[in-house]
Amino acid sequence: MLRSICLTFFMMFHFAVALAEERPVVRDVAAYRDGDGARIEIRADKPVTYNSYLMPELAKWVIDLPGAASAAGEEQSRRMRTAPLTRISVRQKEVNGAPLTRIGLDFSGEVEFSVSADPLDRGRLVVLLKPVGKAAAKAAPTPLSPGSPQRQSP
């Protein structure tokens, strides 16, 4: 009897370790300027699935990565200077008993949001935040009229 209990415990432990090894791990979340917006790259060591949604009352886009762990630990938050992005937060959570990594993207103004998986690297997600409306008009270059002086790039 004791032998079968030990064997069962060993098999359960081995199965849990195998599942933990199968989980993708988010290694890096980085932001870059992209024209008048921001590009955020999320890199994991294995392919990830995602769900994204807007929290308009908080001016935040949320990207959930079900089953993924974070190399950064339980929680990490950084203030950003890559307009319209103002803050990135990465948190490990458990929802309905299932682990996930939640990435929050705080922004200012009205933005267009898109997220896509890199077709060549399924462990890499690319998120784009682009200002719309007044914010985009401020950031857009002023068009030159035909008779106005123009600068040439070297």
N, C-alpha and C. Protein backbone atom coordinates (compact mmCIF):
# COMPACT_ATOMS: atom_id res chain seq x y z
N MET A 1 0.82 -1.19 0.00
CA MET A 1 0.00 0.00 0.00
C MET A 1 0.87 1.26 0.00
N LEU A 2 1.83 1.31 0.91
CA LEU A 2 2.73 2.45 0.99
C LEU A 2 3.50 2.61 -0.31
N ARG A 3 3.87 1.48 -0.89
CA ARG A 3 4.61 1.52 -2.14
C ARG A 3 3.77 2.14 -3.26
N SER A 4 2.49 1.82 -3.34
CA SER A 4 1.65 2.38 -4.40
C SER A 4 1.39 3.88 -4.16
N ILE A 5 1.30 4.30 -2.88
CA ILE A 5 1.13 5.71 -2.57
C ILE A 5 2.37 6.48 -3.00
N CYS A 6 3.55 5.95 -2.69
CA CYS A 6 4.80 6.60 -3.09
C CYS A 6 4.92 6.67 -4.61
N LEU A 7 4.55 5.58 -5.27
CA LEU A 7 4.61 5.55 -6.73
C LEU A 7 3.64 6.57 -7.33
N THR A 8 2.44 6.67 -6.77
CA THR A 8 1.46 7.64 -7.24
C THR A 8 1.97 9.06 -7.03
N PHE A 9 2.53 9.34 -5.84
CA PHE A 9 3.07 10.66 -5.56
C PHE A 9 4.19 11.00 -6.53
N PHE A 10 5.08 10.06 -6.78
CA PHE A 10 6.20 10.27 -7.70
C PHE A 10 5.68 10.59 -9.09
N MET A 11 4.68 9.86 -9.56
CA MET A 11 4.12 10.08 -10.90
C MET A 11 3.46 11.45 -10.98
N MET A 12 2.74 11.85 -9.92
CA MET A 12 2.10 13.16 -9.92
C MET A 12 3.15 14.27 -9.93
N PHE A 13 4.21 14.12 -9.14
CA PHE A 13 5.28 15.10 -9.09
C PHE A 13 5.97 15.19 -10.45
N HIS A 14 6.27 14.05 -11.04
CA HIS A 14 6.92 14.02 -12.35
C HIS A 14 6.03 14.69 -13.41
N PHE A 15 4.73 14.43 -13.37
CA PHE A 15 3.80 15.04 -14.30
C PHE A 15 3.76 16.55 -14.11
N ALA A 16 3.74 17.03 -12.86
CA ALA A 16 3.71 18.47 -12.57
C ALA A 16 4.98 19.14 -13.08
N VAL A 17 6.13 18.51 -12.89
CA VAL A 17 7.40 19.06 -13.38
C VAL A 17 7.39 19.11 -14.90
N ALA A 18 6.88 18.06 -15.53
CA ALA A 18 6.81 18.04 -16.99
C ALA A 18 5.91 19.16 -17.51
N LEU A 19 4.77 19.40 -16.83
CA LEU A 19 3.89 20.49 -17.24
C LEU A 19 4.57 21.84 -17.08
N ALA A 20 5.29 22.03 -15.97
CA ALA A 20 5.98 23.29 -15.72
C ALA A 20 7.03 23.54 -16.80
N GLU A 21 7.69 22.48 -17.25
CA GLU A 21 8.70 22.64 -18.29
C GLU A 21 8.07 22.98 -19.63
N GLU A 22 6.82 22.61 -19.83
CA GLU A 22 6.14 22.87 -21.09
C GLU A 22 5.65 24.31 -21.20
N ARG A 23 5.49 25.00 -20.09
CA ARG A 23 4.97 26.36 -20.10
C ARG A 23 5.93 27.31 -20.79
N PRO A 24 5.41 28.17 -21.66
CA PRO A 24 6.29 29.20 -22.22
C PRO A 24 6.68 30.21 -21.14
N VAL A 25 7.85 30.77 -21.27
CA VAL A 25 8.34 31.77 -20.32
C VAL A 25 8.58 33.07 -21.09
N VAL A 26 7.94 34.14 -20.63
CA VAL A 26 8.13 35.46 -21.22
C VAL A 26 9.49 35.96 -20.75
N ARG A 27 10.41 36.13 -21.69
CA ARG A 27 11.78 36.53 -21.37
C ARG A 27 11.99 38.02 -21.40
N ASP A 28 11.23 38.73 -22.28
CA ASP A 28 11.50 40.15 -22.45
C ASP A 28 10.25 40.86 -22.96
N VAL A 29 10.03 42.06 -22.46
CA VAL A 29 9.01 42.98 -22.97
C VAL A 29 9.72 44.31 -23.17
N ALA A 30 9.84 44.73 -24.42
CA ALA A 30 10.60 45.95 -24.74
C ALA A 30 9.76 46.88 -25.60
N ALA A 31 9.96 48.18 -25.41
CA ALA A 31 9.22 49.19 -26.18
C ALA A 31 10.20 50.01 -27.02
N TYR A 32 9.75 50.36 -28.22
CA TYR A 32 10.55 51.14 -29.15
C TYR A 32 9.66 52.22 -29.78
N ARG A 33 10.26 53.35 -30.15
CA ARG A 33 9.53 54.37 -30.88
C ARG A 33 9.29 53.83 -32.29
N ASP A 34 8.09 54.07 -32.81
CA ASP A 34 7.73 53.62 -34.15
C ASP A 34 6.94 54.75 -34.82
N GLY A 35 7.64 55.66 -35.52
CA GLY A 35 6.99 56.83 -36.09
C GLY A 35 6.46 57.71 -34.97
N ASP A 36 5.16 58.00 -34.99
CA ASP A 36 4.56 58.80 -33.93
C ASP A 36 3.93 57.92 -32.85
N GLY A 37 4.17 56.61 -32.91
CA GLY A 37 3.61 55.68 -31.94
C GLY A 37 4.67 54.86 -31.25
N ALA A 38 4.25 53.70 -30.76
CA ALA A 38 5.17 52.82 -30.05
C ALA A 38 4.99 51.39 -30.54
N ARG A 39 6.10 50.66 -30.56
CA ARG A 39 6.09 49.23 -30.89
C ARG A 39 6.58 48.50 -29.65
N ILE A 40 5.81 47.52 -29.20
CA ILE A 40 6.18 46.74 -28.04
C ILE A 40 6.40 45.30 -28.51
N GLU A 41 7.54 44.74 -28.16
CA GLU A 41 7.85 43.37 -28.53
C GLU A 41 7.85 42.51 -27.27
N ILE A 42 7.08 41.45 -27.33
CA ILE A 42 7.00 40.48 -26.24
C ILE A 42 7.66 39.21 -26.73
N ARG A 43 8.71 38.77 -26.03
CA ARG A 43 9.46 37.58 -26.47
C ARG A 43 9.35 36.48 -25.42
N ALA A 44 8.99 35.30 -25.88
CA ALA A 44 8.90 34.12 -25.03
C ALA A 44 9.76 33.02 -25.63
N ASP A 45 10.11 32.05 -24.80
CA ASP A 45 10.97 30.97 -25.29
C ASP A 45 10.21 29.90 -26.08
N LYS A 46 8.88 29.95 -26.03
CA LYS A 46 8.03 29.00 -26.77
C LYS A 46 6.85 29.77 -27.34
N PRO A 47 6.14 29.18 -28.28
CA PRO A 47 4.94 29.85 -28.81
C PRO A 47 3.94 30.17 -27.70
N VAL A 48 3.30 31.33 -27.82
CA VAL A 48 2.31 31.76 -26.83
C VAL A 48 0.98 32.05 -27.52
N THR A 49 -0.09 31.89 -26.77
CA THR A 49 -1.40 32.34 -27.21
C THR A 49 -1.72 33.59 -26.40
N TYR A 50 -2.62 34.42 -26.91
CA TYR A 50 -2.92 35.65 -26.20
C TYR A 50 -4.39 36.03 -26.35
N ASN A 51 -4.85 36.81 -25.40
CA ASN A 51 -6.14 37.49 -25.44
C ASN A 51 -5.85 38.94 -25.11
N SER A 52 -6.48 39.86 -25.82
CA SER A 52 -6.25 41.27 -25.51
C SER A 52 -7.58 41.98 -25.40
N TYR A 53 -7.59 43.00 -24.55
CA TYR A 53 -8.81 43.80 -24.37
C TYR A 53 -8.45 45.17 -23.83
N LEU A 54 -9.36 46.10 -24.05
CA LEU A 54 -9.20 47.48 -23.62
C LEU A 54 -9.92 47.70 -22.30
N MET A 55 -9.28 48.44 -21.40
CA MET A 55 -9.91 48.92 -20.17
C MET A 55 -9.98 50.45 -20.31
N PRO A 56 -11.03 50.98 -21.00
CA PRO A 56 -11.05 52.41 -21.33
C PRO A 56 -11.05 53.32 -20.12
N GLU A 57 -11.67 52.90 -19.02
CA GLU A 57 -11.71 53.76 -17.83
C GLU A 57 -10.33 53.94 -17.22
N LEU A 58 -9.40 53.03 -17.51
CA LEU A 58 -8.02 53.12 -17.00
C LEU A 58 -7.02 53.53 -18.08
N ALA A 59 -7.47 53.74 -19.32
CA ALA A 59 -6.58 54.02 -20.45
C ALA A 59 -5.48 52.96 -20.51
N LYS A 60 -5.92 51.69 -20.61
CA LYS A 60 -4.98 50.58 -20.57
C LYS A 60 -5.44 49.47 -21.52
N TRP A 61 -4.47 48.95 -22.28
CA TRP A 61 -4.68 47.73 -23.04
C TRP A 61 -4.07 46.61 -22.23
N VAL A 62 -4.75 45.48 -22.19
CA VAL A 62 -4.27 44.32 -21.44
C VAL A 62 -4.07 43.17 -22.41
N ILE A 63 -2.94 42.49 -22.27
CA ILE A 63 -2.66 41.29 -23.07
C ILE A 63 -2.43 40.17 -22.08
N ASP A 64 -3.30 39.16 -22.10
CA ASP A 64 -3.15 37.98 -21.25
C ASP A 64 -2.50 36.87 -22.06
N LEU A 65 -1.51 36.23 -21.45
CA LEU A 65 -0.82 35.09 -22.07
C LEU A 65 -1.12 33.86 -21.22
N PRO A 66 -2.21 33.13 -21.52
CA PRO A 66 -2.60 31.98 -20.70
C PRO A 66 -1.51 30.92 -20.68
N GLY A 67 -1.24 30.40 -19.48
CA GLY A 67 -0.27 29.34 -19.32
C GLY A 67 1.18 29.79 -19.30
N ALA A 68 1.44 31.05 -19.57
CA ALA A 68 2.83 31.54 -19.64
C ALA A 68 3.32 32.00 -18.27
N ALA A 69 4.59 31.79 -18.04
CA ALA A 69 5.26 32.29 -16.84
C ALA A 69 6.08 33.52 -17.24
N SER A 70 6.50 34.28 -16.25
CA SER A 70 7.32 35.46 -16.52
C SER A 70 8.69 35.30 -15.89
N ALA A 71 9.73 35.54 -16.67
CA ALA A 71 11.09 35.48 -16.14
C ALA A 71 11.35 36.61 -15.16
N ALA A 72 10.52 37.67 -15.22
CA ALA A 72 10.70 38.83 -14.34
C ALA A 72 10.19 38.58 -12.92
N GLY A 73 9.52 37.48 -12.69
CA GLY A 73 8.98 37.20 -11.36
C GLY A 73 7.53 37.58 -11.26
N GLU A 74 7.07 37.85 -10.05
CA GLU A 74 5.65 38.09 -9.79
C GLU A 74 5.14 39.37 -10.43
N GLU A 75 5.89 40.47 -10.31
CA GLU A 75 5.38 41.74 -10.82
C GLU A 75 6.54 42.67 -11.17
N GLN A 76 6.38 43.35 -12.30
CA GLN A 76 7.35 44.33 -12.74
C GLN A 76 6.59 45.46 -13.42
N SER A 77 6.97 46.69 -13.15
CA SER A 77 6.31 47.84 -13.76
C SER A 77 7.36 48.89 -14.09
N ARG A 78 7.25 49.46 -15.31
CA ARG A 78 8.21 50.49 -15.74
C ARG A 78 7.46 51.65 -16.37
N ARG A 79 7.85 52.85 -15.99
CA ARG A 79 7.32 54.06 -16.62
C ARG A 79 8.06 54.22 -17.95
N MET A 80 7.31 54.61 -18.99
CA MET A 80 7.89 54.70 -20.32
C MET A 80 7.82 56.13 -20.84
N ARG A 81 8.74 56.45 -21.75
CA ARG A 81 8.74 57.75 -22.42
C ARG A 81 8.59 57.56 -23.93
N THR A 82 7.85 56.56 -24.31
CA THR A 82 7.64 56.25 -25.71
C THR A 82 6.17 56.53 -26.03
N ALA A 83 5.84 57.81 -26.26
CA ALA A 83 4.44 58.21 -26.48
C ALA A 83 3.83 57.40 -27.63
N PRO A 84 2.60 57.01 -27.49
CA PRO A 84 1.62 57.29 -26.45
C PRO A 84 1.68 56.33 -25.26
N LEU A 85 2.67 55.45 -25.23
CA LEU A 85 2.82 54.50 -24.14
C LEU A 85 3.40 55.20 -22.91
N THR A 86 2.75 55.02 -21.74
CA THR A 86 3.23 55.68 -20.53
C THR A 86 3.76 54.69 -19.49
N ARG A 87 3.30 53.44 -19.51
CA ARG A 87 3.76 52.45 -18.53
C ARG A 87 3.52 51.05 -19.08
N ILE A 88 4.46 50.15 -18.75
CA ILE A 88 4.30 48.72 -19.03
C ILE A 88 4.35 48.00 -17.70
N SER A 89 3.39 47.12 -17.47
CA SER A 89 3.44 46.28 -16.27
C SER A 89 3.31 44.83 -16.70
N VAL A 90 4.07 43.97 -16.02
CA VAL A 90 4.05 42.53 -16.29
C VAL A 90 3.76 41.85 -14.96
N ARG A 91 2.71 41.04 -14.92
CA ARG A 91 2.31 40.38 -13.68
C ARG A 91 2.01 38.91 -13.91
N GLN A 92 2.40 38.10 -12.96
CA GLN A 92 1.98 36.70 -12.94
C GLN A 92 0.68 36.64 -12.16
N LYS A 93 -0.32 35.97 -12.71
CA LYS A 93 -1.61 35.86 -12.05
C LYS A 93 -2.10 34.43 -12.15
N GLU A 94 -3.12 34.15 -11.37
CA GLU A 94 -3.82 32.89 -11.49
C GLU A 94 -5.29 33.23 -11.61
N VAL A 95 -5.91 32.80 -12.70
CA VAL A 95 -7.32 33.07 -12.94
C VAL A 95 -8.04 31.73 -13.07
N ASN A 96 -9.01 31.52 -12.20
CA ASN A 96 -9.75 30.26 -12.16
C ASN A 96 -8.81 29.06 -12.04
N GLY A 97 -7.76 29.21 -11.27
CA GLY A 97 -6.81 28.13 -11.04
C GLY A 97 -5.78 27.93 -12.14
N ALA A 98 -5.87 28.73 -13.21
CA ALA A 98 -4.92 28.58 -14.31
C ALA A 98 -3.92 29.75 -14.30
N PRO A 99 -2.62 29.46 -14.46
CA PRO A 99 -1.62 30.53 -14.46
C PRO A 99 -1.65 31.31 -15.76
N LEU A 100 -1.30 32.59 -15.67
CA LEU A 100 -1.15 33.41 -16.86
C LEU A 100 -0.22 34.56 -16.55
N THR A 101 0.33 35.14 -17.60
CA THR A 101 1.11 36.37 -17.47
C THR A 101 0.26 37.46 -18.08
N ARG A 102 0.08 38.55 -17.34
CA ARG A 102 -0.73 39.69 -17.79
C ARG A 102 0.18 40.88 -18.04
N ILE A 103 0.09 41.43 -19.25
CA ILE A 103 0.88 42.60 -19.62
C ILE A 103 -0.08 43.77 -19.77
N GLY A 104 0.15 44.82 -19.01
CA GLY A 104 -0.68 46.02 -19.08
C GLY A 104 0.08 47.12 -19.78
N LEU A 105 -0.57 47.76 -20.74
CA LEU A 105 0.03 48.86 -21.50
C LEU A 105 -0.79 50.12 -21.24
N ASP A 106 -0.31 51.00 -20.37
CA ASP A 106 -0.99 52.27 -20.09
C ASP A 106 -0.61 53.25 -21.19
N PHE A 107 -1.58 54.05 -21.61
CA PHE A 107 -1.33 54.99 -22.69
C PHE A 107 -2.02 56.31 -22.41
N SER A 108 -1.64 57.33 -23.18
CA SER A 108 -2.29 58.64 -23.06
C SER A 108 -2.93 58.97 -24.40
N GLY A 109 -4.09 59.63 -24.35
CA GLY A 109 -4.80 60.01 -25.57
C GLY A 109 -5.52 58.84 -26.20
N GLU A 110 -6.04 59.08 -27.40
CA GLU A 110 -6.72 58.02 -28.14
C GLU A 110 -5.69 57.28 -28.98
N VAL A 111 -5.78 55.96 -28.98
CA VAL A 111 -4.81 55.16 -29.73
C VAL A 111 -5.50 54.05 -30.51
N GLU A 112 -4.85 53.67 -31.60
CA GLU A 112 -5.20 52.43 -32.30
C GLU A 112 -4.27 51.37 -31.75
N PHE A 113 -4.78 50.17 -31.60
CA PHE A 113 -4.02 49.09 -30.99
C PHE A 113 -4.07 47.89 -31.91
N SER A 114 -2.94 47.24 -32.10
CA SER A 114 -2.92 45.97 -32.83
C SER A 114 -1.87 45.07 -32.19
N VAL A 115 -2.16 43.79 -32.21
CA VAL A 115 -1.20 42.80 -31.72
C VAL A 115 -1.20 41.64 -32.70
N SER A 116 -0.01 41.13 -33.00
CA SER A 116 0.10 40.00 -33.92
C SER A 116 1.30 39.15 -33.55
N ALA A 117 1.17 37.88 -33.87
CA ALA A 117 2.29 36.95 -33.66
C ALA A 117 3.22 37.04 -34.86
N ASP A 118 4.50 37.01 -34.59
CA ASP A 118 5.50 36.99 -35.66
C ASP A 118 5.37 35.65 -36.38
N PRO A 119 5.14 35.65 -37.70
CA PRO A 119 4.95 34.38 -38.41
C PRO A 119 6.21 33.51 -38.42
N LEU A 120 7.37 34.11 -38.24
CA LEU A 120 8.62 33.34 -38.25
C LEU A 120 9.04 32.90 -36.85
N ASP A 121 8.51 33.55 -35.82
CA ASP A 121 8.86 33.23 -34.44
C ASP A 121 7.59 33.32 -33.60
N ARG A 122 6.91 32.19 -33.39
CA ARG A 122 5.62 32.17 -32.69
C ARG A 122 5.77 32.51 -31.21
N GLY A 123 6.97 32.64 -30.72
CA GLY A 123 7.20 33.08 -29.34
C GLY A 123 7.37 34.58 -29.25
N ARG A 124 7.13 35.29 -30.34
CA ARG A 124 7.30 36.75 -30.36
C ARG A 124 6.00 37.40 -30.80
N LEU A 125 5.50 38.32 -29.96
CA LEU A 125 4.32 39.11 -30.30
C LEU A 125 4.76 40.54 -30.54
N VAL A 126 4.14 41.19 -31.52
CA VAL A 126 4.43 42.58 -31.82
C VAL A 126 3.15 43.38 -31.61
N VAL A 127 3.24 44.38 -30.75
CA VAL A 127 2.10 45.24 -30.42
C VAL A 127 2.40 46.64 -30.95
N LEU A 128 1.42 47.25 -31.60
CA LEU A 128 1.57 48.61 -32.09
C LEU A 128 0.53 49.51 -31.45
N LEU A 129 0.97 50.65 -30.93
CA LEU A 129 0.09 51.69 -30.40
C LEU A 129 0.32 52.93 -31.26
N LYS A 130 -0.72 53.40 -31.91
CA LYS A 130 -0.61 54.57 -32.78
C LYS A 130 -1.64 55.61 -32.31
N PRO A 131 -1.22 56.87 -32.15
CA PRO A 131 -2.18 57.90 -31.77
C PRO A 131 -3.16 58.18 -32.91
N VAL A 132 -4.40 58.52 -32.54
CA VAL A 132 -5.42 58.89 -33.53
C VAL A 132 -5.99 60.24 -33.15
N GLY A 133 -6.65 60.89 -34.07
CA GLY A 133 -7.29 62.16 -33.78
C GLY A 133 -6.30 63.28 -33.58
N LYS A 134 -6.53 64.10 -32.54
CA LYS A 134 -5.70 65.28 -32.27
C LYS A 134 -4.25 64.92 -32.01
N ALA A 135 -4.03 63.81 -31.27
CA ALA A 135 -2.65 63.41 -30.95
C ALA A 135 -1.87 63.08 -32.22
N ALA A 136 -2.52 62.42 -33.17
CA ALA A 136 -1.84 62.08 -34.42
C ALA A 136 -1.57 63.34 -35.24
N ALA A 137 -2.50 64.29 -35.22
CA ALA A 137 -2.31 65.53 -35.97
C ALA A 137 -1.14 66.33 -35.43
N LYS A 138 -0.97 66.34 -34.09
CA LYS A 138 0.17 67.05 -33.50
C LYS A 138 1.49 66.42 -33.91
N ALA A 139 1.50 65.10 -33.99
CA ALA A 139 2.75 64.40 -34.28
C ALA A 139 3.07 64.36 -35.77
N ALA A 140 2.07 64.57 -36.62
CA ALA A 140 2.30 64.49 -38.06
C ALA A 140 3.09 65.69 -38.55
N PRO A 141 3.98 65.49 -39.51
CA PRO A 141 4.73 66.62 -40.04
C PRO A 141 3.80 67.55 -40.83
N THR A 142 4.12 68.82 -40.83
CA THR A 142 3.33 69.79 -41.58
C THR A 142 3.67 69.66 -43.05
N PRO A 143 2.65 69.51 -43.91
CA PRO A 143 2.95 69.38 -45.34
C PRO A 143 3.50 70.69 -45.90
N LEU A 144 4.39 70.57 -46.84
CA LEU A 144 5.00 71.74 -47.46
C LEU A 144 4.18 72.14 -48.68
N SER A 145 4.08 73.43 -48.91
CA SER A 145 3.41 73.90 -50.13
C SER A 145 4.44 73.90 -51.25
N PRO A 146 4.00 73.93 -52.51
CA PRO A 146 4.94 73.84 -53.63
C PRO A 146 6.03 74.89 -53.63
N GLY A 147 5.79 76.10 -53.13
CA GLY A 147 6.79 77.15 -53.19
C GLY A 147 7.62 77.29 -51.92
N SER A 148 7.42 76.48 -50.94
CA SER A 148 8.13 76.65 -49.66
C SER A 148 9.47 75.91 -49.71
N PRO A 149 10.45 76.40 -48.91
CA PRO A 149 11.77 75.75 -48.89
C PRO A 149 11.67 74.34 -48.31
N GLN A 150 12.51 73.46 -48.80
CA GLN A 150 12.52 72.08 -48.32
C GLN A 150 13.92 71.70 -47.88
N ARG A 151 13.99 70.87 -46.86
CA ARG A 151 15.28 70.36 -46.41
C ARG A 151 15.54 69.03 -47.10
N GLN A 152 16.78 68.82 -47.41
CA GLN A 152 17.15 67.54 -48.00
C GLN A 152 17.95 66.78 -46.96
N SER A 153 17.69 65.50 -46.91
CA SER A 153 18.45 64.64 -46.00
C SER A 153 19.77 64.28 -46.62
N PRO A 154 20.81 64.20 -45.82
CA PRO A 154 22.12 63.82 -46.36
C PRO A 154 22.12 62.41 -46.87
